[in-house]
PDB file of N, CA and C in Angstrom:
ATOM      1  N   MET A   1      92.472  98.119  70.641  1.00  0.00           N
ATOM      2  CA  MET A   1      93.352  97.899  71.753  1.00  0.00           C
ATOM      3  C   MET A   1      94.562  97.166  71.445  1.00  0.00           C
ATOM      4  N   VAL A   2      94.491  96.133  70.566  1.00  0.00           N
ATOM      5  CA  VAL A   2      95.602  95.411  70.159  1.00  0.00           C
ATOM      6  C   VAL A   2      96.587  96.255  69.420  1.00  0.00           C
ATOM      7  N   GLN A   3      96.128  97.134  68.621  1.00  0.00           N
ATOM      8  CA  GLN A   3      96.996  98.060  67.890  1.00  0.00           C
ATOM      9  C   GLN A   3      97.844  98.950  68.926  1.00  0.00           C
ATOM     10  N   PHE A   4      97.160  99.480  69.841  1.00  0.00           N
ATOM     11  CA  PHE A   4      97.752 100.297  70.950  1.00  0.00           C
ATOM     12  C   PHE A   4      98.829  99.529  71.656  1.00  0.00           C
ATOM     13  N   THR A   5      98.550  98.287  71.943  1.00  0.00           N
ATOM     14  CA  THR A   5      99.500  97.376  72.632  1.00  0.00           C
ATOM     15  C   THR A   5     100.717  97.158  71.792  1.00  0.00           C
ATOM     16  N   ILE A   6     100.552  96.789  70.532  1.00  0.00           N
ATOM     17  CA  ILE A   6     101.700  96.509  69.609  1.00  0.00           C
ATOM     18  C   ILE A   6     102.487  97.732  69.503  1.00  0.00           C
ATOM     19  N   LEU A   7     101.829  98.938  69.451  1.00  0.00           N
ATOM     20  CA  LEU A   7     102.693 100.129  69.351  1.00  0.00           C
ATOM     21  C   LEU A   7     103.419 100.434  70.590  1.00  0.00           C
ATOM     22  N   PHE A   8     102.813 100.179  71.781  1.00  0.00           N
ATOM     23  CA  PHE A   8     103.482 100.364  73.077  1.00  0.00           C
ATOM     24  C   PHE A   8     104.641  99.476  73.240  1.00  0.00           C
ATOM     25  N   LEU A   9     104.516  98.204  72.792  1.00  0.00           N
ATOM     26  CA  LEU A   9     105.614  97.280  72.845  1.00  0.00           C
ATOM     27  C   LEU A   9     106.709  97.634  71.901  1.00  0.00           C
ATOM     28  N   CYS A  10     106.384  98.109  70.753  1.00  0.00           N
ATOM     29  CA  CYS A  10     107.409  98.561  69.775  1.00  0.00           C
ATOM     30  C   CYS A  10     108.142  99.749  70.333  1.00  0.00           C
ATOM     31  N   ILE A  11     107.528 100.683  71.002  1.00  0.00           N
ATOM     32  CA  ILE A  11     108.244 101.825  71.601  1.00  0.00           C
ATOM     33  C   ILE A  11     109.192 101.330  72.581  1.00  0.00           C
ATOM     34  N   LEU A  12     108.857 100.368  73.455  1.00  0.00           N
ATOM     35  CA  LEU A  12     109.733  99.795  74.565  1.00  0.00           C
ATOM     36  C   LEU A  12     110.929  99.120  73.759  1.00  0.00           C
ATOM     37  N   GLU A  13     110.683  98.456  72.676  1.00  0.00           N
ATOM     38  CA  GLU A  13     111.722  97.754  72.028  1.00  0.00           C
ATOM     39  C   GLU A  13     112.639  98.658  71.319  1.00  0.00           C
ATOM     40  N   ILE A  14     112.206  99.770  70.845  1.00  0.00           N
ATOM     41  CA  ILE A  14     113.047 100.743  70.200  1.00  0.00           C
ATOM     42  C   ILE A  14     114.133 101.323  71.159  1.00  0.00           C
ATOM     43  N   GLU A  15     113.707 101.549  72.356  1.00  0.00           N
ATOM     44  CA  GLU A  15     114.590 102.021  73.345  1.00  0.00           C
ATOM     45  C   GLU A  15     115.633 100.993  73.838  1.00  0.00           C
ATOM     46  N   ARG A  16     115.194  99.739  73.764  1.00  0.00           N
ATOM     47  CA  ARG A  16     115.928  98.756  74.397  1.00  0.00           C
ATOM     48  C   ARG A  16     116.894  98.033  73.375  1.00  0.00           C
ATOM     49  N   ILE A  17     116.552  97.976  72.117  1.00  0.00           N
ATOM     50  CA  ILE A  17     117.332  97.256  71.159  1.00  0.00           C
ATOM     51  C   ILE A  17     117.833  98.346  70.137  1.00  0.00           C
ATOM     52  N   VAL A  18     119.247  98.370  69.973  1.00  0.00           N
ATOM     53  CA  VAL A  18     119.781  99.456  69.033  1.00  0.00           C
ATOM     54  C   VAL A  18     120.705  98.772  68.077  1.00  0.00           C
ATOM     55  N   MET A  19     120.399  99.046  66.783  1.00  0.00           N
ATOM     56  CA  MET A  19     121.236  98.475  65.745  1.00  0.00           C
ATOM     57  C   MET A  19     122.126  99.519  65.246  1.00  0.00           C
ATOM     58  N   SER A  20     123.450  99.299  65.059  1.00  0.00           N
ATOM     59  CA  SER A  20     124.340 100.297  64.569  1.00  0.00           C
ATOM     60  C   SER A  20     125.178  99.749  63.381  1.00  0.00           C
ATOM     61  N   ILE A  21     125.414 100.624  62.397  1.00  0.00           N
ATOM     62  CA  ILE A  21     126.124 100.238  61.209  1.00  0.00           C
ATOM     63  C   ILE A  21     127.361 101.196  61.055  1.00  0.00           C
ATOM     64  N   LYS A  22     128.510 100.507  60.926  1.00  0.00           N
ATOM     65  CA  LYS A  22     129.736 101.290  60.686  1.00  0.00           C
ATOM     66  C   LYS A  22     130.448 100.608  59.499  1.00  0.00           C
ATOM     67  N   GLU A  23     130.539 101.291  58.380  1.00  0.00           N
ATOM     68  CA  GLU A  23     131.134 100.725  57.122  1.00  0.00           C
ATOM     69  C   GLU A  23     130.431  99.456  56.771  1.00  0.00           C
ATOM     70  N   LYS A  24     131.139  98.329  56.876  1.00  0.00           N
ATOM     71  CA  LYS A  24     130.589  96.979  56.464  1.00  0.00           C
ATOM     72  C   LYS A  24     130.258  96.266  57.717  1.00  0.00           C
ATOM     73  N   ASN A  25     130.419  96.704  58.921  1.00  0.00           N
ATOM     74  CA  ASN A  25     130.082  96.018  60.138  1.00  0.00           C
ATOM     75  C   ASN A  25     128.744  96.492  60.695  1.00  0.00           C
ATOM     76  N   THR A  26     127.882  95.593  61.114  1.00  0.00           N
ATOM     77  CA  THR A  26     126.609  95.870  61.702  1.00  0.00           C
ATOM     78  C   THR A  26     126.603  95.248  63.126  1.00  0.00           C
ATOM     79  N   SER A  27     126.084  95.942  64.104  1.00  0.00           N
ATOM     80  CA  SER A  27     125.982  95.330  65.415  1.00  0.00           C
ATOM     81  C   SER A  27     124.635  95.593  65.929  1.00  0.00           C
ATOM     82  N   LEU A  28     124.109  94.671  66.791  1.00  0.00           N
ATOM     83  CA  LEU A  28     122.801  94.734  67.490  1.00  0.00           C
ATOM     84  C   LEU A  28     123.165  94.769  69.034  1.00  0.00           C
ATOM     85  N   THR A  29     122.718  95.822  69.689  1.00  0.00           N
ATOM     86  CA  THR A  29     122.923  95.885  71.154  1.00  0.00           C
ATOM     87  C   THR A  29     121.624  95.821  71.789  1.00  0.00           C
ATOM     88  N   ILE A  30     121.510  94.885  72.747  1.00  0.00           N
ATOM     89  CA  ILE A  30     120.296  94.745  73.571  1.00  0.00           C
ATOM     90  C   ILE A  30     120.619  95.193  74.981  1.00  0.00           C
ATOM     91  N   THR A  31     120.002  96.222  75.503  1.00  0.00           N
ATOM     92  CA  THR A  31     120.218  96.677  76.855  1.00  0.00           C
ATOM     93  C   THR A  31     119.062  95.965  77.663  1.00  0.00           C
ATOM     94  N   ALA A  32     119.414  95.700  78.860  1.00  0.00           N
ATOM     95  CA  ALA A  32     118.473  95.021  79.818  1.00  0.00           C
ATOM     96  C   ALA A  32     117.873  93.739  79.156  1.00  0.00           C
ATOM     97  N   VAL A  33     118.795  92.789  78.878  1.00  0.00           N
ATOM     98  CA  VAL A  33     118.408  91.472  78.251  1.00  0.00           C
ATOM     99  C   VAL A  33     117.407  90.832  79.186  1.00  0.00           C
ATOM    100  N   ASN A  34     116.353  90.166  78.626  1.00  0.00           N
ATOM    101  CA  ASN A  34     115.410  89.454  79.410  1.00  0.00           C
ATOM    102  C   ASN A  34     115.036  88.186  78.612  1.00  0.00           C
ATOM    103  N   VAL A  35     114.289  87.363  79.256  1.00  0.00           N
ATOM    104  CA  VAL A  35     113.989  86.006  78.750  1.00  0.00           C
ATOM    105  C   VAL A  35     113.338  86.055  77.344  1.00  0.00           C
ATOM    106  N   SER A  36     112.508  87.023  77.056  1.00  0.00           N
ATOM    107  CA  SER A  36     111.897  87.141  75.800  1.00  0.00           C
ATOM    108  C   SER A  36     112.889  87.404  74.600  1.00  0.00           C
ATOM    109  N   ASP A  37     114.082  87.724  74.932  1.00  0.00           N
ATOM    110  CA  ASP A  37     115.108  87.992  73.936  1.00  0.00           C
ATOM    111  C   ASP A  37     115.693  86.723  73.381  1.00  0.00           C
ATOM    112  N   THR A  38     115.306  85.506  74.021  1.00  0.00           N
ATOM    113  CA  THR A  38     115.913  84.177  73.604  1.00  0.00           C
ATOM    114  C   THR A  38     115.457  84.061  72.076  1.00  0.00           C
ATOM    115  N   GLY A  39     116.410  83.597  71.260  1.00  0.00           N
ATOM    116  CA  GLY A  39     116.057  83.391  69.888  1.00  0.00           C
ATOM    117  C   GLY A  39     117.208  83.219  68.912  1.00  0.00           C
ATOM    118  N   LEU A  40     117.019  83.218  67.702  1.00  0.00           N
ATOM    119  CA  LEU A  40     118.026  83.111  66.667  1.00  0.00           C
ATOM    120  C   LEU A  40     118.252  84.443  65.993  1.00  0.00           C
ATOM    121  N   TYR A  41     119.381  85.017  66.039  1.00  0.00           N
ATOM    122  CA  TYR A  41     119.621  86.355  65.434  1.00  0.00           C
ATOM    123  C   TYR A  41     120.586  86.129  64.191  1.00  0.00           C
ATOM    124  N   TYR A  42     120.257  86.822  63.142  1.00  0.00           N
ATOM    125  CA  TYR A  42     121.075  86.776  61.929  1.00  0.00           C
ATOM    126  C   TYR A  42     120.892  87.986  61.134  1.00  0.00           C
ATOM    127  N   CYS A  43     121.872  88.241  60.194  1.00  0.00           N
ATOM    128  CA  CYS A  43     121.789  89.406  59.324  1.00  0.00           C
ATOM    129  C   CYS A  43     121.478  88.892  57.862  1.00  0.00           C
ATOM    130  N   SER A  44     120.679  89.603  57.127  1.00  0.00           N
ATOM    131  CA  SER A  44     120.415  89.212  55.754  1.00  0.00           C
ATOM    132  C   SER A  44     120.415  90.449  54.842  1.00  0.00           C
ATOM    133  N   TYR A  45     120.616  90.264  53.595  1.00  0.00           N
ATOM    134  CA  TYR A  45     120.554  91.433  52.746  1.00  0.00           C
ATOM    135  C   TYR A  45     120.172  90.851  51.339  1.00  0.00           C
ATOM    136  N   MET A  46     119.723  91.722  50.467  1.00  0.00           N
ATOM    137  CA  MET A  46     119.225  91.389  49.101  1.00  0.00           C
ATOM    138  C   MET A  46     120.370  91.655  48.098  1.00  0.00           C
ATOM    139  N   GLU A  47     120.694  90.649  47.277  1.00  0.00           N
ATOM    140  CA  GLU A  47     121.668  90.837  46.310  1.00  0.00           C
ATOM    141  C   GLU A  47     121.210  90.055  44.981  1.00  0.00           C
ATOM    142  N   LEU A  48     120.932  90.852  43.872  1.00  0.00           N
ATOM    143  CA  LEU A  48     120.508  90.376  42.666  1.00  0.00           C
ATOM    144  C   LEU A  48     119.180  89.513  42.837  1.00  0.00           C
ATOM    145  N   ASN A  49     118.235  90.151  43.442  1.00  0.00           N
ATOM    146  CA  ASN A  49     116.964  89.548  43.711  1.00  0.00           C
ATOM    147  C   ASN A  49     117.049  88.306  44.536  1.00  0.00           C
ATOM    148  N   GLN A  50     118.045  88.145  45.266  1.00  0.00           N
ATOM    149  CA  GLN A  50     118.260  86.850  46.116  1.00  0.00           C
ATOM    150  C   GLN A  50     118.596  87.278  47.492  1.00  0.00           C
ATOM    151  N   MET A  51     117.934  86.663  48.529  1.00  0.00           N
ATOM    152  CA  MET A  51     118.236  87.021  49.907  1.00  0.00           C
ATOM    153  C   MET A  51     119.450  86.225  50.400  1.00  0.00           C
ATOM    154  N   ILE A  52     120.416  86.936  50.912  1.00  0.00           N
ATOM    155  CA  ILE A  52     121.673  86.288  51.366  1.00  0.00           C
ATOM    156  C   ILE A  52     121.576  86.413  52.855  1.00  0.00           C
ATOM    157  N   PHE A  53     121.890  85.312  53.576  1.00  0.00           N
ATOM    158  CA  PHE A  53     121.830  85.250  55.071  1.00  0.00           C
ATOM    159  C   PHE A  53     123.192  85.031  55.536  1.00  0.00           C
ATOM    160  N   SER A  54     123.590  85.622  56.665  1.00  0.00           N
ATOM    161  CA  SER A  54     124.804  85.534  57.309  1.00  0.00           C
ATOM    162  C   SER A  54     124.699  84.308  58.250  1.00  0.00           C
ATOM    163  N   ASN A  55     125.858  84.015  58.905  1.00  0.00           N
ATOM    164  CA  ASN A  55     125.852  83.058  59.964  1.00  0.00           C
ATOM    165  C   ASN A  55     124.853  83.525  61.075  1.00  0.00           C
ATOM    166  N   SER A  56     124.187  82.599  61.733  1.00  0.00           N
ATOM    167  CA  SER A  56     123.301  82.964  62.826  1.00  0.00           C
ATOM    168  C   SER A  56     123.918  82.833  64.096  1.00  0.00           C
ATOM    169  N   THR A  57     123.391  83.663  65.094  1.00  0.00           N
ATOM    170  CA  THR A  57     123.812  83.474  66.485  1.00  0.00           C
ATOM    171  C   THR A  57     122.577  83.132  67.344  1.00  0.00           C
ATOM    172  N   SER A  58     122.696  82.114  68.109  1.00  0.00           N
ATOM    173  CA  SER A  58     121.605  81.677  68.988  1.00  0.00           C
ATOM    174  C   SER A  58     121.797  82.233  70.341  1.00  0.00           C
ATOM    175  N   LEU A  59     120.729  82.919  70.844  1.00  0.00           N
ATOM    176  CA  LEU A  59     120.813  83.558  72.146  1.00  0.00           C
ATOM    177  C   LEU A  59     119.806  82.865  73.135  1.00  0.00           C
ATOM    178  N   HIS A  60     120.272  82.346  74.179  1.00  0.00           N
ATOM    179  CA  HIS A  60     119.337  81.668  75.157  1.00  0.00           C
ATOM    180  C   HIS A  60     119.565  82.405  76.584  1.00  0.00           C
ATOM    181  N   VAL A  61     118.522  83.049  76.936  1.00  0.00           N
ATOM    182  CA  VAL A  61     118.557  83.768  78.234  1.00  0.00           C
ATOM    183  C   VAL A  61     117.891  82.977  79.309  1.00  0.00           C
ATOM    184  N   LYS A  62     118.520  82.561  80.418  1.00  0.00           N
ATOM    185  CA  LYS A  62     117.880  81.838  81.454  1.00  0.00           C
ATOM    186  C   LYS A  62     117.291  82.751  82.500  1.00  0.00           C
ATOM    187  N   GLY A  63     116.351  82.296  83.176  1.00  0.00           N
ATOM    188  CA  GLY A  63     115.749  83.060  84.241  1.00  0.00           C
ATOM    189  C   GLY A  63     114.216  83.284  83.957  1.00  0.00           C
ATOM    190  N   CYS A  64     113.534  83.984  84.889  1.00  0.00           N
ATOM    191  CA  CYS A  64     112.196  84.223  84.735  1.00  0.00           C
ATOM    192  C   CYS A  64     111.969  85.685  84.826  1.00  0.00           C
ATOM    193  N   ASP A  65     111.439  86.201  83.771  1.00  0.00           N
ATOM    194  CA  ASP A  65     111.137  87.647  83.665  1.00  0.00           C
ATOM    195  C   ASP A  65     109.586  87.788  83.763  1.00  0.00           C
ATOM    196  N   PHE A  66     109.148  87.981  85.032  1.00  0.00           N
ATOM    197  CA  PHE A  66     107.697  88.035  85.309  1.00  0.00           C
ATOM    198  C   PHE A  66     106.959  89.086  84.570  1.00  0.00           C
ATOM    199  N   VAL A  67     107.503  90.244  84.529  1.00  0.00           N
ATOM    200  CA  VAL A  67     106.818  91.405  83.956  1.00  0.00           C
ATOM    201  C   VAL A  67     106.578  91.146  82.435  1.00  0.00           C
ATOM    202  N   VAL A  68     107.587  90.755  81.787  1.00  0.00           N
ATOM    203  CA  VAL A  68     107.509  90.491  80.405  1.00  0.00           C
ATOM    204  C   VAL A  68     106.472  89.471  80.069  1.00  0.00           C
ATOM    205  N   LYS A  69     106.450  88.410  80.793  1.00  0.00           N
ATOM    206  CA  LYS A  69     105.444  87.325  80.664  1.00  0.00           C
ATOM    207  C   LYS A  69     104.002  87.873  80.888  1.00  0.00           C
ATOM    208  N   MET A  70     103.870  88.690  81.882  1.00  0.00           N
ATOM    209  CA  MET A  70     102.624  89.209  82.192  1.00  0.00           C
ATOM    210  C   MET A  70     102.090  90.163  81.015  1.00  0.00           C
ATOM    211  N   ILE A  71     103.049  90.926  80.539  1.00  0.00           N
ATOM    212  CA  ILE A  71     102.629  91.807  79.376  1.00  0.00           C
ATOM    213  C   ILE A  71     102.159  91.025  78.238  1.00  0.00           C
ATOM    214  N   PHE A  72     102.927  89.932  77.797  1.00  0.00           N
ATOM    215  CA  PHE A  72     102.476  89.145  76.700  1.00  0.00           C
ATOM    216  C   PHE A  72     101.215  88.321  77.001  1.00  0.00           C
ATOM    217  N   LEU A  73     101.003  87.899  78.217  1.00  0.00           N
ATOM    218  CA  LEU A  73      99.826  87.152  78.583  1.00  0.00           C
ATOM    219  C   LEU A  73      98.589  88.134  78.532  1.00  0.00           C
ATOM    220  N   LEU A  74      98.719  89.328  78.991  1.00  0.00           N
ATOM    221  CA  LEU A  74      97.560  90.222  79.096  1.00  0.00           C
ATOM    222  C   LEU A  74      97.318  90.826  77.691  1.00  0.00           C
ATOM    223  N   PHE A  75      98.264  91.123  76.887  1.00  0.00           N
ATOM    224  CA  PHE A  75      98.026  91.944  75.724  1.00  0.00           C
ATOM    225  C   PHE A  75      98.100  91.124  74.422  1.00  0.00           C
ATOM    226  N   GLN A  76      98.609  89.990  74.465  1.00  0.00           N
ATOM    227  CA  GLN A  76      98.625  89.173  73.117  1.00  0.00           C
ATOM    228  C   GLN A  76      97.248  88.586  72.861  1.00  0.00           C
ATOM    229  N   ALA A  77      96.583  88.088  73.747  1.00  0.00           N
ATOM    230  CA  ALA A  77      95.251  87.477  73.589  1.00  0.00           C
ATOM    231  C   ALA A  77      94.255  87.971  74.625  1.00  0.00           C
ATOM    232  N   PRO A  78      93.672  89.092  74.348  1.00  0.00           N
ATOM    233  CA  PRO A  78      92.633  89.635  75.287  1.00  0.00           C
ATOM    234  C   PRO A  78      91.485  88.721  75.514  1.00  0.00           C
ATOM    235  N   ASP A  79      91.259  87.785  74.664  1.00  0.00           N
ATOM    236  CA  ASP A  79      90.051  86.789  74.846  1.00  0.00           C
ATOM    237  C   ASP A  79      90.550  85.527  75.611  1.00  0.00           C
ATOM    238  N   SER A  80      91.733  85.464  76.028  1.00  0.00           N
ATOM    239  CA  SER A  80      92.222  84.215  76.678  1.00  0.00           C
ATOM    240  C   SER A  80      91.628  84.120  78.048  1.00  0.00           C
ATOM    241  N   PRO A  81      91.639  82.885  78.559  1.00  0.00           N
ATOM    242  CA  PRO A  81      91.053  82.616  79.980  1.00  0.00           C
ATOM    243  C   PRO A  81      91.895  83.356  81.043  1.00  0.00           C
ATOM    244  N   VAL A  82      93.199  83.584  80.863  1.00  0.00           N
ATOM    245  CA  VAL A  82      94.035  84.311  81.798  1.00  0.00           C
ATOM    246  C   VAL A  82      93.446  85.774  81.935  1.00  0.00           C
ATOM    247  N   PHE A  83      93.278  86.359  80.803  1.00  0.00           N
ATOM    248  CA  PHE A  83      92.661  87.759  80.849  1.00  0.00           C
ATOM    249  C   PHE A  83      91.364  87.788  81.537  1.00  0.00           C
ATOM    250  N   PHE A  84      90.495  86.884  81.204  1.00  0.00           N
ATOM    251  CA  PHE A  84      89.118  86.844  81.731  1.00  0.00           C
ATOM    252  C   PHE A  84      89.240  86.667  83.344  1.00  0.00           C
ATOM    253  N   MET A  85      90.013  85.689  83.769  1.00  0.00           N
ATOM    254  CA  MET A  85      90.262  85.438  85.217  1.00  0.00           C
ATOM    255  C   MET A  85      90.813  86.722  85.910  1.00  0.00           C
ATOM    256  N   LEU A  86      91.763  87.331  85.386  1.00  0.00           N
ATOM    257  CA  LEU A  86      92.343  88.613  85.938  1.00  0.00           C
ATOM    258  C   LEU A  86      91.300  89.655  86.008  1.00  0.00           C
ATOM    259  N   THR A  87      90.536  89.851  84.963  1.00  0.00           N
ATOM    260  CA  THR A  87      89.451  90.864  84.958  1.00  0.00           C
ATOM    261  C   THR A  87      88.460  90.562  86.030  1.00  0.00           C
ATOM    262  N   VAL A  88      87.990  89.281  86.112  1.00  0.00           N
ATOM    263  CA  VAL A  88      86.994  88.981  87.139  1.00  0.00           C
ATOM    264  C   VAL A  88      87.590  89.166  88.574  1.00  0.00           C
ATOM    265  N   GLY A  89      88.868  88.717  88.767  1.00  0.00           N
ATOM    266  CA  GLY A  89      89.469  88.952  90.047  1.00  0.00           C
ATOM    267  C   GLY A  89      89.646  90.375  90.408  1.00  0.00           C
ATOM    268  N   PHE A  90      90.105  91.281  89.495  1.00  0.00           N
ATOM    269  CA  PHE A  90      90.287  92.684  89.887  1.00  0.00           C
ATOM    270  C   PHE A  90      88.870  93.328  90.022  1.00  0.00           C
ATOM    271  N   GLY A  91      87.976  92.890  89.346  1.00  0.00           N
ATOM    272  CA  GLY A  91      86.513  93.405  89.407  1.00  0.00           C
ATOM    273  C   GLY A  91      86.022  93.044  90.814  1.00  0.00           C
ATOM    274  N   ALA A  92      86.181  91.798  91.268  1.00  0.00           N
ATOM    275  CA  ALA A  92      85.724  91.450  92.587  1.00  0.00           C
ATOM    276  C   ALA A  92      86.371  92.169  93.696  1.00  0.00           C
ATOM    277  N   VAL A  93      87.687  92.299  93.589  1.00  0.00           N
ATOM    278  CA  VAL A  93      88.423  93.098  94.572  1.00  0.00           C
ATOM    279  C   VAL A  93      87.954  94.519  94.627  1.00  0.00           C
ATOM    280  N   SER A  94      87.742  95.110  93.481  1.00  0.00           N
ATOM    281  CA  SER A  94      87.199  96.524  93.430  1.00  0.00           C
ATOM    282  C   SER A  94      85.796  96.655  94.069  1.00  0.00           C
ATOM    283  N   VAL A  95      85.009  95.687  93.850  1.00  0.00           N
ATOM    284  CA  VAL A  95      83.552  95.763  94.398  1.00  0.00           C
ATOM    285  C   VAL A  95      83.710  95.603  95.898  1.00  0.00           C
ATOM    286  N   ILE A  96      84.496  94.612  96.442  1.00  0.00           N
ATOM    287  CA  ILE A  96      84.702  94.495  97.880  1.00  0.00           C
ATOM    288  C   ILE A  96      85.218  95.724  98.535  1.00  0.00           C
ATOM    289  N   LEU A  97      86.251  96.382  97.907  1.00  0.00           N
ATOM    290  CA  LEU A  97      86.853  97.609  98.476  1.00  0.00           C
ATOM    291  C   LEU A  97      85.836  98.702  98.472  1.00  0.00           C
ATOM    292  N   LEU A  98      84.969  98.821  97.422  1.00  0.00           N
ATOM    293  CA  LEU A  98      84.035  99.786  97.373  1.00  0.00           C
ATOM    294  C   LEU A  98      82.960  99.645  98.444  1.00  0.00           C
ATOM    295  N   ILE A  99      82.550  98.434  98.743  1.00  0.00           N
ATOM    296  CA  ILE A  99      81.562  98.034  99.779  1.00  0.00           C
ATOM    297  C   ILE A  99      82.193  98.400 101.159  1.00  0.00           C
ATOM    298  N   VAL A 100      83.432  98.076 101.265  1.00  0.00           N
ATOM    299  CA  VAL A 100      84.147  98.447 102.693  1.00  0.00           C
ATOM    300  C   VAL A 100      84.205  99.991 102.855  1.00  0.00           C
ATOM    301  N   LEU A 101      84.504 100.629 101.851  1.00  0.00           N
ATOM    302  CA  LEU A 101      84.549 102.121 101.823  1.00  0.00           C
ATOM    303  C   LEU A 101      83.198 102.743 102.203  1.00  0.00           C
ATOM    304  N   ILE A 102      82.179 102.216 101.510  1.00  0.00           N
ATOM    305  CA  ILE A 102      80.878 102.790 101.846  1.00  0.00           C
ATOM    306  C   ILE A 102      80.409 102.433 103.316  1.00  0.00           C
ATOM    307  N   PHE A 103      80.808 101.335 103.794  1.00  0.00           N
ATOM    308  CA  PHE A 103      80.481 100.894 105.164  1.00  0.00           C
ATOM    309  C   PHE A 103      81.158 101.836 106.110  1.00  0.00           C
ATOM    310  N   ILE A 104      82.487 102.176 105.832  1.00  0.00           N
ATOM    311  CA  ILE A 104      83.255 103.014 106.721  1.00  0.00           C
ATOM    312  C   ILE A 104      82.703 104.448 106.764  1.00  0.00           C
ATOM    313  N   ILE A 105      82.361 104.911 105.616  1.00  0.00           N
ATOM    314  CA  ILE A 105      81.696 106.296 105.475  1.00  0.00           C
ATOM    315  C   ILE A 105      80.427 106.328 106.229  1.00  0.00           C
ATOM    316  N   LEU A 106      79.548 105.377 106.070  1.00  0.00           N
ATOM    317  CA  LEU A 106      78.222 105.396 106.773  1.00  0.00           C
ATOM    318  C   LEU A 106      78.449 105.366 108.230  1.00  0.00           C
ATOM    319  N   LYS A 107      79.356 104.467 108.685  1.00  0.00           N
ATOM    320  CA  LYS A 107      79.652 104.327 110.164  1.00  0.00           C
ATOM    321  C   LYS A 107      80.178 105.656 110.755  1.00  0.00           C
ATOM    322  N   HIS A 108      81.045 106.267 109.963  1.00  0.00           N
ATOM    323  CA  HIS A 108      81.627 107.535 110.323  1.00  0.00           C
ATOM    324  C   HIS A 108      80.576 108.640 110.492  1.00  0.00           C
ATOM    325  N   ARG A 109      79.707 108.712 109.510  1.00  0.00           N
ATOM    326  CA  ARG A 109      78.582 109.669 109.507  1.00  0.00           C
ATOM    327  C   ARG A 109      77.602 109.490 110.745  1.00  0.00           C
ATOM    328  N   LYS A 110      77.330 108.156 110.949  1.00  0.00           N
ATOM    329  CA  LYS A 110      76.395 107.901 112.134  1.00  0.00           C
ATOM    330  C   LYS A 110      76.985 108.293 113.423  1.00  0.00           C
ATOM    331  N   THR A 111      78.374 108.044 113.670  1.00  0.00           N
ATOM    332  CA  THR A 111      79.061 108.365 114.849  1.00  0.00           C
ATOM    333  C   THR A 111      79.060 109.868 115.008  1.00  0.00           C
ATOM    334  N   HIS A 112      79.300 110.605 114.012  1.00  0.00           N
ATOM    335  CA  HIS A 112      79.419 112.083 114.096  1.00  0.00           C
ATOM    336  C   HIS A 112      78.032 112.705 114.230  1.00  0.00           C
ATOM    337  N   ARG A 113      76.936 112.194 113.660  1.00  0.00           N
ATOM    338  CA  ARG A 113      75.665 112.654 113.913  1.00  0.00           C
ATOM    339  C   ARG A 113      75.247 112.505 115.361  1.00  0.00           C
ATOM    340  N   GLY A 114      75.628 111.422 115.978  1.00  0.00           N
ATOM    341  CA  GLY A 114      75.301 111.107 117.440  1.00  0.00           C
ATOM    342  C   GLY A 114      76.032 112.209 118.259  1.00  0.00           C
ATOM    343  N   ASP A 115      77.335 112.561 117.935  1.00  0.00           N
ATOM    344  CA  ASP A 115      78.029 113.613 118.661  1.00  0.00           C
ATOM    345  C   ASP A 115      77.321 114.935 118.597  1.00  0.00           C
ATOM    346  N   ILE A 116      76.832 115.323 117.353  1.00  0.00           N
ATOM    347  CA  ILE A 116      76.228 116.628 117.203  1.00  0.00           C
ATOM    348  C   ILE A 116      74.881 116.681 118.027  1.00  0.00           C
ATOM    349  N   THR A 117      74.084 115.641 117.956  1.00  0.00           N
ATOM    350  CA  THR A 117      72.780 115.550 118.681  1.00  0.00           C
ATOM    351  C   THR A 117      72.994 115.610 120.176  1.00  0.00           C
ATOM    352  N   ASP A 118      74.148 114.883 120.658  1.00  0.00           N
ATOM    353  CA  ASP A 118      74.468 114.957 122.231  1.00  0.00           C
ATOM    354  C   ASP A 118      74.814 116.399 122.566  1.00  0.00           C
ATOM    355  N   LYS A 119      75.533 116.993 121.748  1.00  0.00           N
ATOM    356  CA  LYS A 119      75.992 118.440 122.080  1.00  0.00           C
ATOM    357  C   LYS A 119      74.838 119.380 122.092  1.00  0.00           C
ATOM    358  N   GLN A 120      73.883 119.241 121.138  1.00  0.00           N
ATOM    359  CA  GLN A 120      72.686 120.045 121.076  1.00  0.00           C
ATOM    360  C   GLN A 120      71.810 119.833 122.328  1.00  0.00           C
ATOM    361  N   ASP A 121      71.720 118.508 122.811  1.00  0.00           N
ATOM    362  CA  ASP A 121      70.873 118.119 123.953  1.00  0.00           C
ATOM    363  C   ASP A 121      71.565 118.780 125.241  1.00  0.00           C
ATOM    364  N   GLN A 122      72.830 118.913 125.274  1.00  0.00           N
ATOM    365  CA  GLN A 122      73.487 119.365 126.440  1.00  0.00           C
ATOM    366  C   GLN A 122      73.281 120.886 126.583  1.00  0.00           C
ATOM    367  N   GLU A 123      73.154 121.527 125.478  1.00  0.00           N
ATOM    368  CA  GLU A 123      73.013 123.028 125.523  1.00  0.00           C
ATOM    369  C   GLU A 123      71.661 123.398 125.866  1.00  0.00           C
TER     370      GLU A 123
END
């Protein structure tokens, strides 16, 4: 499950982050910037078995990106308490909805059986 999640997030990132190279210039374009993009960005290359780093650019994105935070909370640590509580919560809601649905179906059947019996008695 973790491998699928990482692959899923990588596919999203490939569509959202685009690196382009023209001659000696390299650019990184981030479409739909969100809070998780906050960080230090830099270029590096290998020259004579030595890593050369360019000047870095710090990006700080303000705001609250609820969807991104939920993705990381749910998929980064499936054994976390948040994942457990959400699983229990959704499970409880599913059971309650199933009980209500069964109750409605049984009530509907009982009502319609009474109608059929009344019609037969009248004939």
